[in-house]
Protein backbone atom coordinates (compact mmCIF):
# COMPACT_ATOMS: atom_id res chain seq x y z
CA MET A 1 -14.84 5.35 -8.79
CA ILE A 2 -15.56 6.53 -11.94
CA LEU A 3 -19.74 6.96 -10.96
CA ALA A 4 -18.76 8.68 -7.48
CA LEU A 5 -16.13 11.30 -9.08
CA ILE A 6 -19.20 11.84 -11.97
CA ILE A 7 -22.36 12.10 -9.32
CA GLY A 8 -20.57 13.73 -6.22
CA ASN A 9 -19.45 16.82 -9.40
CA TYR A 10 -23.24 17.14 -9.52
CA VAL A 11 -24.48 15.67 -5.92
CA ASP A 12 -23.03 17.24 -2.81
CA PHE A 13 -22.49 14.24 -0.53
CA ASN A 14 -20.90 16.64 1.62
CA THR A 15 -24.42 17.47 2.99
CA ILE A 16 -25.46 13.47 3.79
CA ASN A 17 -24.65 11.90 6.62
CA ILE A 18 -22.95 8.72 5.81
CA LYS A 19 -21.51 7.84 9.53
CA PRO A 20 -25.03 5.30 9.34
CA VAL A 21 -23.86 3.71 6.04
CA SER A 22 -20.24 3.36 6.52
CA MET A 23 -20.73 1.87 9.83
CA ILE A 24 -23.00 -0.51 8.33
CA ALA A 25 -20.17 -1.69 5.21
CA VAL A 26 -17.68 -1.49 7.71
CA PHE A 27 -19.57 -4.86 9.53
CA MET A 28 -19.90 -5.89 5.19
CA MET A 29 -16.46 -5.60 5.25
CA LEU A 30 -15.44 -7.56 8.64
CA TYR A 31 -17.88 -9.96 9.45
CA PRO A 32 -17.40 -11.90 6.57
CA MET A 33 -14.09 -11.93 6.00
CA LEU A 34 -13.20 -12.94 10.12
CA THR A 35 -15.77 -15.30 9.86
CA GLY A 36 -14.29 -16.64 7.18
CA LEU A 37 -10.91 -17.03 9.15
CA VAL A 38 -10.35 -20.24 10.94
CA ILE A 39 -8.52 -18.69 13.98
CA GLU A 40 -8.85 -22.54 15.85
CA LYS A 41 -5.82 -23.82 12.94
CA VAL A 42 -3.82 -21.47 14.41
CA LYS A 43 -2.71 -24.32 17.29
CA LYS A 44 -1.83 -27.03 14.81
CA ALA A 45 -0.16 -25.00 12.60
CA GLY A 46 3.60 -24.72 11.63
CA ARG A 47 6.00 -22.69 13.90
CA ASN A 48 8.86 -21.02 12.44
CA TYR A 49 9.82 -18.17 14.52
CA LYS A 50 12.09 -16.17 12.72
CA LEU A 51 9.66 -15.94 10.39
CA ILE A 52 6.99 -15.41 12.59
CA VAL A 53 9.41 -12.23 14.00
CA SER A 54 10.73 -10.82 10.81
CA THR A 55 7.23 -10.37 8.80
CA LEU A 56 5.45 -9.23 11.46
CA PHE A 57 9.22 -6.81 12.42
CA PHE A 58 9.24 -5.92 8.75
CA ALA A 59 4.81 -5.26 8.22
CA TYR A 60 4.98 -2.62 11.41
CA VAL A 61 8.54 -1.37 12.74
CA VAL A 62 10.08 -1.12 8.39
CA ALA A 63 6.54 -0.33 6.68
CA SER A 64 5.56 2.49 9.29
CA ILE A 65 9.50 4.18 8.37
CA SER A 66 9.20 4.31 4.47
CA ALA A 67 5.83 5.44 5.00
CA TYR A 68 6.73 8.12 7.26
CA ILE A 69 9.83 9.25 4.90
CA ILE A 70 7.54 8.77 1.98
CA SER A 71 4.49 11.20 4.68
CA ARG A 72 7.47 14.02 5.03
CA THR A 73 8.28 14.54 1.99
CA VAL A 74 7.04 13.16 -1.31
CA LEU A 75 3.30 13.79 0.44
CA ILE A 76 4.51 17.02 2.45
CA GLU A 77 2.49 19.99 0.91
CA TYR A 78 -0.76 17.31 1.44
CA PRO A 79 -1.21 16.81 4.52
CA ASP A 80 -4.73 14.50 4.79
CA ILE A 81 -2.84 11.53 2.03
CA ALA A 82 0.43 12.32 4.57
CA PHE A 83 -1.97 10.85 7.32
CA ALA A 84 -3.21 8.04 4.60
CA MET A 85 -0.12 6.59 3.68
CA ILE A 86 1.46 6.30 7.42
CA MET A 87 -1.95 4.83 7.57
CA VAL A 88 -0.95 2.49 5.05
CA GLY A 89 2.35 1.55 6.41
CA ALA A 90 0.92 1.32 10.06
CA ILE A 91 -2.17 -1.49 9.33
CA PRO A 92 -0.76 -4.47 7.91
CA CYS A 93 -2.41 -6.49 5.57
CA SER A 94 -3.74 -9.63 7.77
CA ASN A 95 -6.65 -12.15 6.48
CA MET A 96 -5.06 -11.08 2.28
CA LEU A 97 -1.29 -12.75 3.37
CA ILE A 98 -3.50 -15.81 3.97
CA GLY A 99 -4.63 -15.86 0.08
CA TRP A 100 -2.26 -13.82 -0.92
CA SER A 101 0.33 -16.55 -0.41
CA GLY A 102 -1.72 -19.42 -1.71
CA ILE A 103 -1.31 -17.63 -4.88
CA ALA A 104 1.77 -17.23 -4.83
CA ASP A 105 2.13 -21.21 -3.57
CA ALA A 106 3.92 -19.65 -0.09
CA SER A 107 3.30 -21.37 3.52
CA VAL A 108 -0.12 -20.79 3.50
CA GLU A 109 0.49 -22.19 7.38
CA ASP A 110 2.64 -19.90 8.28
CA ALA A 111 1.38 -17.12 6.22
CA LEU A 112 -1.93 -17.51 8.76
CA VAL A 113 0.05 -18.03 12.08
CA ILE A 114 1.43 -14.45 11.18
CA ALA A 115 -2.16 -13.38 10.06
CA VAL A 116 -4.13 -13.70 13.41
CA ILE A 117 -0.63 -12.74 15.18
CA GLY A 118 -0.78 -9.27 13.13
CA LEU A 119 -4.75 -8.55 12.88
CA LEU A 120 -4.63 -9.17 17.01
CA LEU A 121 -1.04 -6.83 17.39
CA ILE A 122 -3.02 -3.68 14.69
CA PRO A 123 -5.20 -2.23 17.26
CA VAL A 124 -2.06 -1.93 20.17
CA VAL A 125 0.27 -1.23 18.06
CA SER A 126 -1.18 0.85 15.61
CA PRO A 127 -2.42 2.99 17.67
CA LEU A 128 0.79 4.12 18.53
CA ILE A 129 2.41 4.08 15.07
CA LEU A 130 -0.48 6.37 14.01
CA LYS A 131 -0.08 8.86 16.65
CA ILE A 132 4.12 8.86 16.65
CA SER A 133 3.72 9.21 12.38
CA GLY A 134 1.59 10.82 11.63
CA GLY A 135 0.16 13.52 15.01
CA VAL A 136 1.92 16.27 12.86
CA PHE A 137 -0.88 16.43 10.15
CA VAL A 138 -3.75 14.77 12.10
CA THR A 139 -5.42 15.08 15.74
CA PHE A 140 -7.43 13.01 17.06
CA SER A 141 -7.46 10.80 20.06
CA ILE A 142 -5.38 8.12 21.01
CA GLN A 143 -7.53 6.56 23.19
CA LYS A 144 -10.95 6.74 21.10
CA LEU A 145 -8.87 4.94 18.33
CA PHE A 146 -7.87 2.05 20.61
CA PHE A 147 -11.80 1.54 20.70
CA THR A 148 -12.67 1.91 17.23
CA LEU A 149 -9.64 -0.50 16.10
CA LEU A 150 -10.28 -2.83 19.20
CA SER A 151 -14.11 -2.87 18.83
CA PHE A 152 -14.05 -3.15 14.76
CA ILE A 153 -11.94 -6.72 14.88
CA LEU A 154 -12.79 -7.66 17.73
CA ILE A 155 -16.73 -8.17 17.18
CA PRO A 156 -17.07 -9.07 14.35
CA LEU A 157 -14.00 -11.95 15.04
CA ILE A 158 -15.95 -12.70 18.99
CA LEU A 159 -19.58 -13.49 16.07
CA GLY A 160 -17.62 -14.44 13.00
CA PHE A 161 -16.62 -17.66 15.43
CA PHE A 162 -19.19 -18.10 16.86
CA THR A 163 -21.30 -17.81 12.89
CA ARG A 164 -18.89 -20.86 12.07
CA LYS A 165 -19.30 -22.63 14.42
CA TRP A 166 -23.32 -22.62 14.31
CA ILE A 167 -23.14 -23.73 10.72
CA ILE A 168 -20.86 -25.98 11.10
CA ALA A 169 -22.93 -28.13 13.57
CA LYS A 170 -26.53 -27.26 11.91
CA LYS A 171 -25.68 -27.75 8.20
CA GLY A 172 -22.59 -29.15 8.53
CA LYS A 173 -18.54 -28.89 7.02
CA PRO A 174 -18.99 -29.06 3.93
CA TYR A 175 -21.68 -26.34 3.83
CA PHE A 176 -20.05 -23.94 4.94
CA MET A 177 -17.35 -24.33 3.08
CA LYS A 178 -19.36 -24.33 0.03
CA ILE A 179 -21.13 -20.62 1.73
CA LYS A 180 -17.35 -19.49 2.55
CA LYS A 181 -17.47 -18.90 -1.42
CA ILE A 182 -19.13 -16.27 -0.99
CA PHE A 183 -18.30 -14.16 1.93
CA PRO A 184 -15.30 -12.07 0.49
CA GLY A 185 -18.16 -10.81 -2.49
CA ILE A 186 -19.87 -9.69 0.52
CA SER A 187 -16.89 -7.53 2.23
CA ALA A 188 -15.60 -6.92 -1.46
CA SER A 189 -19.44 -5.22 -1.53
CA GLY A 190 -18.75 -3.31 2.20
CA ILE A 191 -15.30 -1.97 0.49
CA LEU A 192 -16.87 -1.04 -3.01
CA VAL A 193 -20.05 1.42 -1.19
CA ILE A 194 -17.36 3.13 0.94
CA VAL A 195 -15.45 3.85 -1.61
CA PHE A 196 -18.40 5.05 -3.17
CA PHE A 197 -19.34 7.41 -1.23
CA SER A 198 -15.40 8.05 0.02
CA VAL A 199 -14.78 9.37 -3.33
CA ALA A 200 -18.48 11.19 -3.93
CA LYS A 201 -17.38 13.18 -0.65
CA VAL A 202 -14.94 14.82 -2.29
CA ALA A 203 -15.99 14.91 -6.57
CA ARG A 204 -15.69 18.29 -7.07
CA GLU A 205 -11.62 18.99 -5.82
CA VAL A 206 -10.32 16.12 -7.00
CA ILE A 207 -11.83 16.98 -10.56
CA SER A 208 -10.78 20.97 -10.05
CA LYS A 209 -7.03 18.72 -8.85
CA PRO A 210 -6.41 15.63 -10.63
CA GLU A 211 -3.14 15.73 -9.52
CA ILE A 212 -3.61 13.82 -6.44
CA PHE A 213 -3.99 10.80 -8.84
CA LEU A 214 -0.97 11.07 -9.69
CA ILE A 215 0.88 11.95 -6.43
CA ILE A 216 -1.68 9.29 -4.36
CA LEU A 217 -0.42 6.33 -7.20
CA VAL A 218 3.47 7.98 -6.55
CA GLY A 219 3.75 7.80 -3.16
CA LEU A 220 1.61 4.47 -2.64
CA MET A 221 4.24 3.33 -5.65
CA ILE A 222 8.06 4.18 -3.68
CA TYR A 223 6.43 2.71 -0.69
CA TYR A 224 5.91 -0.78 -2.56
CA ILE A 225 8.76 -0.83 -4.40
CA PHE A 226 11.43 0.23 -1.42
CA GLN A 227 9.56 -2.61 0.29
CA THR A 228 9.65 -4.79 -1.46
CA LEU A 229 13.60 -4.17 -2.34
CA ILE A 230 14.02 -4.81 0.79
CA SER A 231 12.41 -7.19 1.86
CA ILE A 232 13.83 -9.27 -0.73
CA LEU A 233 17.26 -8.06 0.88
CA ALA A 234 16.27 -9.19 3.59
CA SER A 235 15.00 -12.55 3.15
CA LYS A 236 17.94 -13.39 0.86
CA VAL A 237 20.25 -12.18 4.53
CA LEU A 238 17.96 -14.47 6.18
CA LYS A 239 18.06 -17.47 3.71
CA PHE A 240 14.57 -18.24 3.51
CA LYS A 241 13.46 -20.37 1.00
CA TYR A 242 10.82 -18.95 -1.65
CA GLU A 243 7.47 -20.59 0.33
CA HIS A 244 8.81 -18.80 3.28
CA ALA A 245 10.43 -15.16 1.93
CA MET A 246 6.92 -14.77 -0.03
CA ILE A 247 5.69 -14.57 3.33
CA LEU A 248 7.77 -11.57 4.50
CA ILE A 249 7.68 -9.90 1.08
CA LEU A 250 4.63 -9.89 0.93
CA GLY A 251 3.74 -9.07 4.58
CA ALA A 252 6.31 -6.19 4.17
CA THR A 253 4.39 -4.66 0.96
CA ALA A 254 0.37 -5.17 1.17
CA SER A 255 -1.47 -3.70 4.13
CA SER A 256 -4.87 -3.53 5.15
CA GLN A 257 -8.08 -2.01 3.03
CA ALA A 258 -10.93 -3.51 4.93
CA ILE A 259 -9.43 -2.11 8.54
CA SER A 260 -8.08 1.09 7.43
CA LEU A 261 -10.99 2.16 5.00
CA SER A 262 -13.02 1.43 8.21
CA VAL A 263 -10.70 3.63 10.24
CA ALA A 264 -10.46 6.08 8.09
CA ALA A 265 -14.42 6.77 7.21
CA SER A 266 -15.30 6.81 11.14
CA MET A 267 -12.73 8.75 12.45
CA PHE A 268 -10.71 11.17 9.48
CA SER A 269 -10.73 13.47 6.79
CA ASP A 270 -12.96 12.93 3.38
CA MET A 271 -9.32 13.39 1.38
CA THR A 272 -8.12 11.24 4.29
CA VAL A 273 -10.44 7.51 2.72
CA PHE A 274 -10.66 9.06 -0.68
CA ALA A 275 -6.52 8.49 -0.51
CA LEU A 276 -7.37 4.74 0.64
CA SER A 277 -9.93 4.27 -1.45
CA PHE A 278 -7.72 4.47 -4.01
CA LYS A 279 -5.52 1.97 -2.87
CA PRO A 280 -6.71 -0.91 -3.64
CA ALA A 281 -7.15 -0.70 -7.06
CA ILE A 282 -2.80 -0.01 -7.59
CA GLN A 283 -2.34 -2.76 -4.39
CA VAL A 284 -4.23 -5.31 -5.94
CA LEU A 285 -1.51 -4.08 -9.93
CA TYR A 286 0.93 -4.55 -7.71
CA ILE A 287 1.12 -7.97 -5.66
CA MET A 288 -0.59 -9.20 -9.27
CA PHE A 289 2.54 -7.94 -10.64
CA LEU A 290 4.80 -9.05 -7.63
CA ILE A 291 3.79 -13.19 -7.82
CA TYR A 292 3.38 -12.96 -11.40
CA GLY A 293 5.33 -11.26 -13.22
CA MET A 294 8.60 -11.32 -10.14
CA GLY A 295 7.69 -15.24 -8.88
CA PRO A 296 10.13 -17.07 -11.88
CA ARG A 297 13.22 -14.33 -10.88
CA LEU A 298 12.37 -14.14 -7.01
CA LYS A 299 12.18 -18.28 -7.12
CA LYS A 300 15.66 -18.17 -9.36
CA ILE A 301 17.17 -15.53 -6.78
CA LEU A 302 15.79 -17.21 -3.07
C-alpha cells in the first residue's frame, strides 16, 4: 500500500487498463484457495444445525443490517466507501473461517460445513443484499453481478476439485498436503496485486485527502465491534460452548477478502476497491486480537 501510494502519486495509473491484470490476480486468489478446500469432507462433518443456521443468519442478515446502518450514517458523504461497507456485510468469510476456527481452538468440522454452505450461497444471496442495501450508492446490473460471482466461485471450485483429485491420484495425498502449504501464499500474492493497482489508481486523491484512511478505519471498527458484541450476546442466549460460540463470533465478524476484492475490481469504482484493499490489514489485526486478546476471557464468559 505504501509503495502504491508513492508510485501512484508520480505515475498516472488511470491511463492503464488493469482489467487483464485484475482477472489474472482474481484467478491467483481463488483457484489455490478453493483447490485446498476439501469440499467432500462436508459429508463426514458434524451437523450442528442450530450453529449452522445462526452463524449464516449473522453472517448475512445481521452483518448486512449493521453495514447498511453504518453506510447511511458514518459514511453517507462517501458513496464509494459506503458501498464498500455494504460489500463487507454482504459477502461473508468463507475459506478463512476454517483457518481462524483452527487457530481459535473452535470446532473446525462445523466451521467447514458453514464455510462451504456460505460460499455456495454467495452468488445467490449477496447480489440481492448489494442491490437492496447499496443500490442507492451504485447503479449496477444484478444479473451481471450474479454471473460474475458465480464464475469467480464455481469455475475455481470445479477446477480446484479436479486439480486436487489429479494431484492425489498422481503423487499421493502426502505430496498434496505438502504442496498445499504454498496455496495461501499464492492467494495472498493475487490479493497484493489487486491491492497495489487499486491503491495506485487513487493515490493522488488519497494523499490529497488523508482523512479517507480514518473514515474507512472508523467505519470498519464500528462494524467489527458491534458484530462481535451482538454475536457474543447471541452465543450466550443460544447457550453455545466456546468451541461453537467462537465460530458464530468469527462468522459474524470476519468477511471475505478475496471474493469481495475480486468483484469490486471487476465491477465497481477504484475508491470502493481501495476501501476493500485497506480492510485486510485491519481485519487480520482485529481477528488476532479477538482470538489471542479476548479468547481467554471469552472462554470464561461462555
